Amino acid sequence: MRTRAIVVDDEPLARRNVTALLSGHRDIAVVGECASGAEALAEIRRLNPDLVFLDVEMPECGGFDVLEMLGVATPPAIVFVTAYDTYALRAFEAGALDYLLKPFDTDRFARAIARALERIAQSRERPRTEDKIAIKSIGGVEFVRVADIDWIEAADYYSRLHAGGRSHLLRRSMAELEADLKDSSFCRIHRSTIVNVERIRSLKLDEDGEHGVLLADGTTLRVSRRYRRTLQTLLSKIGES
């Protein structure tokens, strides 16, 4: 199985340099080139590559923004490629596999490829069991385990994660998060709310006939008619297991 790679850099010459080096590796196929972070987001979601060479500084949407918005859809191997050495620590905190500082030679590039192929092989043999969501904050990137999230609410064009008494603003839409979490214990209960079903203590019916859920931490959330049946079905399955 060939490794599928995408090269992301707003400078055409930089993209050509990386793709030229990749052409010498028969086990790697370049399936896409992107000139911006926004384009990279769309292509990574569409093509589902194994390996991404990602520039740090790009107009409007940089490399760290891309990782934050990808969330659990982040490919197994991310290699940052940049002319700035100041982002190295932050890159590794964000889950990057390697950090190539321009200009780099073929030997350094080959070492990055070797590490990437090893990581990808491991990911194929052992699927991830503990997904995390990267959240960009002032001075770095913070990780929140998906299993630790209690509920999620819409915040204009963003989303707010509630986990362990803390909240985190994430620059991703509710629709994107719902798609990411579809195979886990999360359920949409309102157009502006997603809840971790494992945190639900009880269902409630108020005096106006509106349904809600009471979470283990005491939070009460409204359940809309549209999502009520889906929630009840999911809770029934959990109760039977």
C-alpha atoms as a PDB file:
ATOM      1  CA  MET A   1       0.000   0.000   0.000  1.00  0.00           C
ATOM      2  CA  ARG A   2       1.530   3.298  -1.114  1.00  0.00           C
ATOM      3  CA  THR A   3       1.635   6.214   1.276  1.00  0.00           C
ATOM      4  CA  ARG A   4      -0.568   9.102   0.131  1.00  0.00           C
ATOM      5  CA  ALA A   5       0.944  12.551   0.687  1.00  0.00           C
ATOM      6  CA  ILE A   6      -0.204  16.152   0.354  1.00  0.00           C
ATOM      7  CA  VAL A   7       2.175  19.122   0.164  1.00  0.00           C
ATOM      8  CA  VAL A   8       0.935  22.448   1.588  1.00  0.00           C
ATOM      9  CA  ASP A   9       2.861  25.701   1.098  1.00  0.00           C
ATOM     10  CA  ASP A  10       1.875  29.129  -0.206  1.00  0.00           C
ATOM     11  CA  GLU A  11       5.160  29.364  -2.128  1.00  0.00           C
ATOM     12  CA  PRO A  12       5.142  27.428  -5.455  1.00  0.00           C
ATOM     13  CA  LEU A  13       8.917  26.898  -5.391  1.00  0.00           C
ATOM     14  CA  ALA A  14       8.742  25.371  -1.911  1.00  0.00           C
ATOM     15  CA  ARG A  15       6.004  22.970  -3.040  1.00  0.00           C
ATOM     16  CA  ARG A  16       8.028  21.951  -6.083  1.00  0.00           C
ATOM     17  CA  ASN A  17      11.115  21.276  -3.945  1.00  0.00           C
ATOM     18  CA  VAL A  18       9.202  18.916  -1.643  1.00  0.00           C
ATOM     19  CA  THR A  19       7.380  17.113  -4.458  1.00  0.00           C
ATOM     20  CA  ALA A  20      10.675  16.688  -6.332  1.00  0.00           C
ATOM     21  CA  LEU A  21      12.232  15.063  -3.281  1.00  0.00           C
ATOM     22  CA  LEU A  22       9.186  12.840  -2.827  1.00  0.00           C
ATOM     23  CA  SER A  23       9.446  11.648  -6.431  1.00  0.00           C
ATOM     24  CA  GLY A  24      12.518   9.666  -5.388  1.00  0.00           C
ATOM     25  CA  HIS A  25      10.418   7.552  -2.997  1.00  0.00           C
ATOM     26  CA  ARG A  26       8.449   4.950  -4.942  1.00  0.00           C
ATOM     27  CA  ASP A  27       6.373   3.998  -1.923  1.00  0.00           C
ATOM     28  CA  ILE A  28       4.953   7.532  -1.644  1.00  0.00           C
ATOM     29  CA  ALA A  29       2.374   9.066  -3.998  1.00  0.00           C
ATOM     30  CA  VAL A  30       1.726  12.825  -3.953  1.00  0.00           C
ATOM     31  CA  VAL A  31      -2.053  13.053  -4.268  1.00  0.00           C
ATOM     32  CA  GLY A  32      -2.378  16.806  -3.834  1.00  0.00           C
ATOM     33  CA  GLU A  33      -0.688  20.196  -3.593  1.00  0.00           C
ATOM     34  CA  CYS A  34      -2.253  23.116  -1.749  1.00  0.00           C
ATOM     35  CA  ALA A  35      -1.330  26.802  -1.742  1.00  0.00           C
ATOM     36  CA  SER A  36      -3.308  27.791   1.367  1.00  0.00           C
ATOM     37  CA  GLY A  37      -4.533  26.468   4.673  1.00  0.00           C
ATOM     38  CA  ALA A  38      -8.170  26.657   3.589  1.00  0.00           C
ATOM     39  CA  GLU A  39      -7.415  24.617   0.489  1.00  0.00           C
ATOM     40  CA  ALA A  40      -5.474  22.128   2.606  1.00  0.00           C
ATOM     41  CA  LEU A  41      -8.442  21.604   4.928  1.00  0.00           C
ATOM     42  CA  ALA A  42     -10.723  20.758   2.015  1.00  0.00           C
ATOM     43  CA  GLU A  43      -8.219  18.450   0.324  1.00  0.00           C
ATOM     44  CA  ILE A  44      -7.216  16.592   3.479  1.00  0.00           C
ATOM     45  CA  ARG A  45     -10.857  15.926   4.306  1.00  0.00           C
ATOM     46  CA  ARG A  46     -11.542  14.823   0.727  1.00  0.00           C
ATOM     47  CA  LEU A  47      -8.454  12.705   0.086  1.00  0.00           C
ATOM     48  CA  ASN A  48      -7.696  11.381   3.580  1.00  0.00           C
ATOM     49  CA  PRO A  49      -3.893  11.275   3.124  1.00  0.00           C
ATOM     50  CA  ASP A  50      -1.423   9.466   5.356  1.00  0.00           C
ATOM     51  CA  LEU A  51       1.247  12.172   5.297  1.00  0.00           C
ATOM     52  CA  VAL A  52       1.084  15.973   5.073  1.00  0.00           C
ATOM     53  CA  PHE A  53       3.990  18.381   4.602  1.00  0.00           C
ATOM     54  CA  LEU A  54       2.589  21.552   6.126  1.00  0.00           C
ATOM     55  CA  ASP A  55       3.879  25.120   6.041  1.00  0.00           C
ATOM     56  CA  VAL A  56       3.490  27.070   9.275  1.00  0.00           C
ATOM     57  CA  GLU A  57       2.907  30.638   8.119  1.00  0.00           C
ATOM     58  CA  MET A  58       0.297  31.113   5.398  1.00  0.00           C
ATOM     59  CA  PRO A  59      -2.155  33.994   4.826  1.00  0.00           C
ATOM     60  CA  GLU A  60      -5.457  33.778   6.723  1.00  0.00           C
ATOM     61  CA  CYS A  61      -5.109  30.124   7.753  1.00  0.00           C
ATOM     62  CA  GLY A  62      -1.719  28.814   8.900  1.00  0.00           C
ATOM     63  CA  GLY A  63      -0.508  25.325   9.703  1.00  0.00           C
ATOM     64  CA  PHE A  64      -1.612  25.389  13.337  1.00  0.00           C
ATOM     65  CA  ASP A  65      -5.064  26.571  12.280  1.00  0.00           C
ATOM     66  CA  VAL A  66      -5.294  23.613   9.903  1.00  0.00           C
ATOM     67  CA  LEU A  67      -4.514  21.131  12.682  1.00  0.00           C
ATOM     68  CA  GLU A  68      -7.005  22.738  15.042  1.00  0.00           C
ATOM     69  CA  MET A  69      -9.821  22.616  12.508  1.00  0.00           C
ATOM     70  CA  LEU A  70      -9.051  19.055  11.409  1.00  0.00           C
ATOM     71  CA  GLY A  71      -9.404  17.746  14.953  1.00  0.00           C
ATOM     72  CA  VAL A  72      -9.601  13.946  15.054  1.00  0.00           C
ATOM     73  CA  ALA A  73      -9.407  13.882  11.241  1.00  0.00           C
ATOM     74  CA  THR A  74      -5.701  14.843  11.406  1.00  0.00           C
ATOM     75  CA  PRO A  75      -3.603  12.407   9.292  1.00  0.00           C
ATOM     76  CA  PRO A  76      -1.179  10.047  11.093  1.00  0.00           C
ATOM     77  CA  ALA A  77       1.998  11.900  10.022  1.00  0.00           C
ATOM     78  CA  ILE A  78       2.335  15.699   9.941  1.00  0.00           C
ATOM     79  CA  VAL A  79       5.693  17.201   8.980  1.00  0.00           C
ATOM     80  CA  PHE A  80       5.973  20.963   9.372  1.00  0.00           C
ATOM     81  CA  VAL A  81       8.127  22.707   6.776  1.00  0.00           C
ATOM     82  CA  THR A  82       9.104  26.299   7.545  1.00  0.00           C
ATOM     83  CA  ALA A  83      11.848  28.905   7.420  1.00  0.00           C
ATOM     84  CA  TYR A  84      11.237  29.845  11.074  1.00  0.00           C
ATOM     85  CA  ASP A  85      12.829  27.970  13.961  1.00  0.00           C
ATOM     86  CA  THR A  86      10.655  29.638  16.615  1.00  0.00           C
ATOM     87  CA  TYR A  87       7.694  27.283  16.124  1.00  0.00           C
ATOM     88  CA  ALA A  88       9.462  23.960  16.706  1.00  0.00           C
ATOM     89  CA  LEU A  89       8.317  23.334  20.285  1.00  0.00           C
ATOM     90  CA  ARG A  90       4.782  24.424  19.504  1.00  0.00           C
ATOM     91  CA  ALA A  91       4.737  22.109  16.459  1.00  0.00           C
ATOM     92  CA  PHE A  92       5.614  19.050  18.510  1.00  0.00           C
ATOM     93  CA  GLU A  93       3.084  20.045  21.171  1.00  0.00           C
ATOM     94  CA  ALA A  94       0.495  20.139  18.397  1.00  0.00           C
ATOM     95  CA  GLY A  95       1.310  16.549  17.460  1.00  0.00           C
ATOM     96  CA  ALA A  96       3.700  17.073  14.546  1.00  0.00           C
ATOM     97  CA  LEU A  97       5.958  14.140  13.724  1.00  0.00           C
ATOM     98  CA  ASP A  98       8.861  16.242  12.449  1.00  0.00           C
ATOM     99  CA  TYR A  99       9.932  19.826  11.822  1.00  0.00           C
ATOM    100  CA  LEU A 100      11.933  20.604   8.676  1.00  0.00           C
ATOM    101  CA  LEU A 101      13.709  23.933   8.781  1.00  0.00           C
ATOM    102  CA  LYS A 102      14.328  25.485   5.357  1.00  0.00           C
ATOM    103  CA  PRO A 103      16.735  25.050   3.717  1.00  0.00           C
ATOM    104  CA  PHE A 104      17.185  21.337   4.407  1.00  0.00           C
ATOM    105  CA  ASP A 105      19.262  18.750   2.543  1.00  0.00           C
ATOM    106  CA  THR A 106      18.287  15.366   1.127  1.00  0.00           C
ATOM    107  CA  ASP A 107      19.655  13.464   4.110  1.00  0.00           C
ATOM    108  CA  ARG A 108      17.523  15.437   6.548  1.00  0.00           C
ATOM    109  CA  PHE A 109      14.483  14.963   4.306  1.00  0.00           C
ATOM    110  CA  ALA A 110      15.153  11.217   4.093  1.00  0.00           C
ATOM    111  CA  ARG A 111      15.183  10.963   7.888  1.00  0.00           C
ATOM    112  CA  ALA A 112      11.811  12.717   8.043  1.00  0.00           C
ATOM    113  CA  ILE A 113      10.429  10.284   5.468  1.00  0.00           C
ATOM    114  CA  ALA A 114      11.712   7.275   7.418  1.00  0.00           C
ATOM    115  CA  ARG A 115      10.033   8.509  10.596  1.00  0.00           C
ATOM    116  CA  ALA A 116       6.798   9.217   8.721  1.00  0.00           C
ATOM    117  CA  LEU A 117       6.652   5.758   7.134  1.00  0.00           C
ATOM    118  CA  GLU A 118       7.241   4.141  10.512  1.00  0.00           C
ATOM    119  CA  ARG A 119       4.451   6.188  12.127  1.00  0.00           C
ATOM    120  CA  ILE A 120       2.040   5.401   9.267  1.00  0.00           C
ATOM    121  CA  ALA A 121       2.799   1.669   9.477  1.00  0.00           C
ATOM    122  CA  GLN A 122       2.064   1.749  13.198  1.00  0.00           C
ATOM    123  CA  SER A 123      -1.216   3.582  12.659  1.00  0.00           C
ATOM    124  CA  ARG A 124      -2.340   0.938  10.159  1.00  0.00           C
ATOM    125  CA  GLU A 125      -1.487  -1.924  12.478  1.00  0.00           C
ATOM    126  CA  ARG A 126      -2.945  -0.325  15.604  1.00  0.00           C
ATOM    127  CA  PRO A 127      -5.892   2.041  15.169  1.00  0.00           C
ATOM    128  CA  ARG A 128      -6.012   5.014  17.500  1.00  0.00           C
ATOM    129  CA  THR A 129      -7.820   4.274  20.746  1.00  0.00           C
ATOM    130  CA  GLU A 130      -7.495   7.655  22.426  1.00  0.00           C
ATOM    131  CA  ASP A 131      -8.430  10.518  20.118  1.00  0.00           C
ATOM    132  CA  LYS A 132      -7.668  14.053  21.127  1.00  0.00           C
ATOM    133  CA  ILE A 133      -8.765  17.439  19.849  1.00  0.00           C
ATOM    134  CA  ALA A 134      -6.147  20.150  19.443  1.00  0.00           C
ATOM    135  CA  ILE A 135      -7.210  23.614  20.611  1.00  0.00           C
ATOM    136  CA  LYS A 136      -5.039  26.594  19.792  1.00  0.00           C
ATOM    137  CA  SER A 137      -4.535  28.987  22.690  1.00  0.00           C
ATOM    138  CA  ILE A 138      -2.304  31.951  23.423  1.00  0.00           C
ATOM    139  CA  GLY A 139       1.234  30.658  23.488  1.00  0.00           C
ATOM    140  CA  GLY A 140       0.594  27.102  22.380  1.00  0.00           C
ATOM    141  CA  VAL A 141      -1.776  24.246  21.649  1.00  0.00           C
ATOM    142  CA  GLU A 142      -3.810  22.389  24.262  1.00  0.00           C
ATOM    143  CA  PHE A 143      -5.169  18.865  23.817  1.00  0.00           C
ATOM    144  CA  VAL A 144      -8.534  17.700  25.114  1.00  0.00           C
ATOM    145  CA  ARG A 145      -9.317  13.986  25.108  1.00  0.00           C
ATOM    146  CA  VAL A 146     -12.572  13.253  23.306  1.00  0.00           C
ATOM    147  CA  ALA A 147     -13.583  10.926  26.140  1.00  0.00           C
ATOM    148  CA  ASP A 148     -13.275  13.819  28.625  1.00  0.00           C
ATOM    149  CA  ILE A 149     -15.754  16.082  26.816  1.00  0.00           C
ATOM    150  CA  ASP A 150     -19.081  16.447  28.646  1.00  0.00           C
ATOM    151  CA  TRP A 151     -20.972  18.470  26.049  1.00  0.00           C
ATOM    152  CA  ILE A 152     -20.492  20.896  23.170  1.00  0.00           C
ATOM    153  CA  GLU A 153     -22.404  24.055  22.349  1.00  0.00           C
ATOM    154  CA  ALA A 154     -22.504  26.298  19.302  1.00  0.00           C
ATOM    155  CA  ALA A 155     -20.716  29.649  19.678  1.00  0.00           C
ATOM    156  CA  ASP A 156     -21.529  31.678  16.564  1.00  0.00           C
ATOM    157  CA  TYR A 157     -19.281  30.208  13.840  1.00  0.00           C
ATOM    158  CA  TYR A 158     -17.232  28.287  16.415  1.00  0.00           C
ATOM    159  CA  SER A 159     -17.963  25.621  19.022  1.00  0.00           C
ATOM    160  CA  ARG A 160     -17.336  25.515  22.753  1.00  0.00           C
ATOM    161  CA  LEU A 161     -16.230  22.287  24.409  1.00  0.00           C
ATOM    162  CA  HIS A 162     -17.134  21.678  28.053  1.00  0.00           C
ATOM    163  CA  ALA A 163     -14.861  19.184  29.787  1.00  0.00           C
ATOM    164  CA  GLY A 164     -14.239  18.641  33.479  1.00  0.00           C
ATOM    165  CA  GLY A 165     -15.578  22.031  34.551  1.00  0.00           C
ATOM    166  CA  ARG A 166     -13.587  23.958  31.925  1.00  0.00           C
ATOM    167  CA  SER A 167     -14.630  25.327  28.548  1.00  0.00           C
ATOM    168  CA  HIS A 168     -12.553  25.621  25.367  1.00  0.00           C
ATOM    169  CA  LEU A 169     -13.393  27.656  22.268  1.00  0.00           C
ATOM    170  CA  LEU A 170     -12.722  25.672  19.093  1.00  0.00           C
ATOM    171  CA  ARG A 171     -12.727  27.155  15.605  1.00  0.00           C
ATOM    172  CA  ARG A 172     -14.808  24.377  14.103  1.00  0.00           C
ATOM    173  CA  SER A 173     -18.496  24.105  13.285  1.00  0.00           C
ATOM    174  CA  MET A 174     -20.980  21.867  15.082  1.00  0.00           C
ATOM    175  CA  ALA A 175     -21.573  19.969  11.834  1.00  0.00           C
ATOM    176  CA  GLU A 176     -17.870  19.143  11.530  1.00  0.00           C
ATOM    177  CA  LEU A 177     -17.647  17.976  15.137  1.00  0.00           C
ATOM    178  CA  GLU A 178     -20.802  15.888  14.799  1.00  0.00           C
ATOM    179  CA  ALA A 179     -19.270  14.137  11.766  1.00  0.00           C
ATOM    180  CA  ASP A 180     -16.011  13.514  13.641  1.00  0.00           C
ATOM    181  CA  LEU A 181     -17.803  12.081  16.665  1.00  0.00           C
ATOM    182  CA  LYS A 182     -20.405   9.985  14.862  1.00  0.00           C
ATOM    183  CA  ASP A 183     -18.813   6.662  15.846  1.00  0.00           C
ATOM    184  CA  SER A 184     -18.411   7.590  19.522  1.00  0.00           C
ATOM    185  CA  SER A 185     -20.793   8.127  22.425  1.00  0.00           C
ATOM    186  CA  PHE A 186     -21.854  11.622  21.347  1.00  0.00           C
ATOM    187  CA  CYS A 187     -25.327  12.607  20.193  1.00  0.00           C
ATOM    188  CA  ARG A 188     -26.828  15.793  18.802  1.00  0.00           C
ATOM    189  CA  ILE A 189     -29.757  16.788  21.038  1.00  0.00           C
ATOM    190  CA  HIS A 190     -30.373  20.306  19.707  1.00  0.00           C
ATOM    191  CA  ARG A 191     -29.199  22.332  16.720  1.00  0.00           C
ATOM    192  CA  SER A 192     -26.796  24.076  19.111  1.00  0.00           C
ATOM    193  CA  THR A 193     -25.899  21.162  21.433  1.00  0.00           C
ATOM    194  CA  ILE A 194     -24.013  17.867  21.260  1.00  0.00           C
ATOM    195  CA  VAL A 195     -23.786  15.758  24.408  1.00  0.00           C
ATOM    196  CA  ASN A 196     -21.625  12.869  25.574  1.00  0.00           C
ATOM    197  CA  VAL A 197     -24.303  10.269  26.285  1.00  0.00           C
ATOM    198  CA  GLU A 198     -22.094   8.666  28.921  1.00  0.00           C
ATOM    199  CA  ARG A 199     -22.517  11.842  31.008  1.00  0.00           C
ATOM    200  CA  ILE A 200     -26.326  11.747  31.039  1.00  0.00           C
ATOM    201  CA  ARG A 201     -27.727  10.980  34.488  1.00  0.00           C
ATOM    202  CA  SER A 202     -31.426  11.221  33.623  1.00  0.00           C
ATOM    203  CA  LEU A 203     -34.028  12.491  31.172  1.00  0.00           C
ATOM    204  CA  LYS A 204     -36.284  15.286  32.368  1.00  0.00           C
ATOM    205  CA  LEU A 205     -39.700  16.625  31.410  1.00  0.00           C
ATOM    206  CA  ASP A 206     -40.482  20.125  32.650  1.00  0.00           C
ATOM    207  CA  GLU A 207     -43.886  21.603  33.443  1.00  0.00           C
ATOM    208  CA  ASP A 208     -44.146  23.027  29.918  1.00  0.00           C
ATOM    209  CA  GLY A 209     -43.717  19.589  28.395  1.00  0.00           C
ATOM    210  CA  GLU A 210     -40.184  20.266  27.161  1.00  0.00           C
ATOM    211  CA  HIS A 211     -37.631  17.469  27.352  1.00  0.00           C
ATOM    212  CA  GLY A 212     -34.129  17.842  28.742  1.00  0.00           C
ATOM    213  CA  VAL A 213     -31.195  15.865  30.074  1.00  0.00           C
ATOM    214  CA  LEU A 214     -29.447  16.140  33.424  1.00  0.00           C
ATOM    215  CA  LEU A 215     -25.700  15.528  33.235  1.00  0.00           C
ATOM    216  CA  ALA A 216     -23.515  14.042  35.951  1.00  0.00           C
ATOM    217  CA  ASP A 217     -22.063  17.482  36.789  1.00  0.00           C
ATOM    218  CA  GLY A 218     -25.542  18.959  37.324  1.00  0.00           C
ATOM    219  CA  THR A 219     -25.818  20.686  33.939  1.00  0.00           C
ATOM    220  CA  THR A 220     -29.304  20.622  32.388  1.00  0.00           C
ATOM    221  CA  LEU A 221     -29.577  20.745  28.591  1.00  0.00           C
ATOM    222  CA  ARG A 222     -32.632  21.071  26.398  1.00  0.00           C
ATOM    223  CA  VAL A 223     -33.560  18.286  23.962  1.00  0.00           C
ATOM    224  CA  SER A 224     -35.397  19.415  20.822  1.00  0.00           C
ATOM    225  CA  ARG A 225     -38.179  17.344  19.249  1.00  0.00           C
ATOM    226  CA  ARG A 226     -36.061  16.764  16.150  1.00  0.00           C
ATOM    227  CA  TYR A 227     -33.360  14.836  18.043  1.00  0.00           C
ATOM    228  CA  ARG A 228     -35.419  13.288  20.863  1.00  0.00           C
ATOM    229  CA  ARG A 229     -36.056   9.916  19.213  1.00  0.00           C
ATOM    230  CA  THR A 230     -32.391   9.506  18.223  1.00  0.00           C
ATOM    231  CA  LEU A 231     -31.299  10.174  21.796  1.00  0.00           C
ATOM    232  CA  GLN A 232     -33.847   7.770  23.280  1.00  0.00           C
ATOM    233  CA  THR A 233     -32.782   5.027  20.853  1.00  0.00           C
ATOM    234  CA  LEU A 234     -29.126   5.513  21.735  1.00  0.00           C
ATOM    235  CA  LEU A 235     -29.825   5.493  25.476  1.00  0.00           C
ATOM    236  CA  SER A 236     -31.847   2.280  25.068  1.00  0.00           C
ATOM    237  CA  LYS A 237     -28.953   0.571  23.301  1.00  0.00           C
ATOM    238  CA  ILE A 238     -26.555   1.646  26.054  1.00  0.00           C
ATOM    239  CA  GLY A 239     -28.960   0.335  28.688  1.00  0.00           C
ATOM    240  CA  GLU A 240     -29.142  -3.062  26.952  1.00  0.00           C
ATOM    241  CA  SER A 241     -25.363  -3.416  26.681  1.00  0.00           C
END
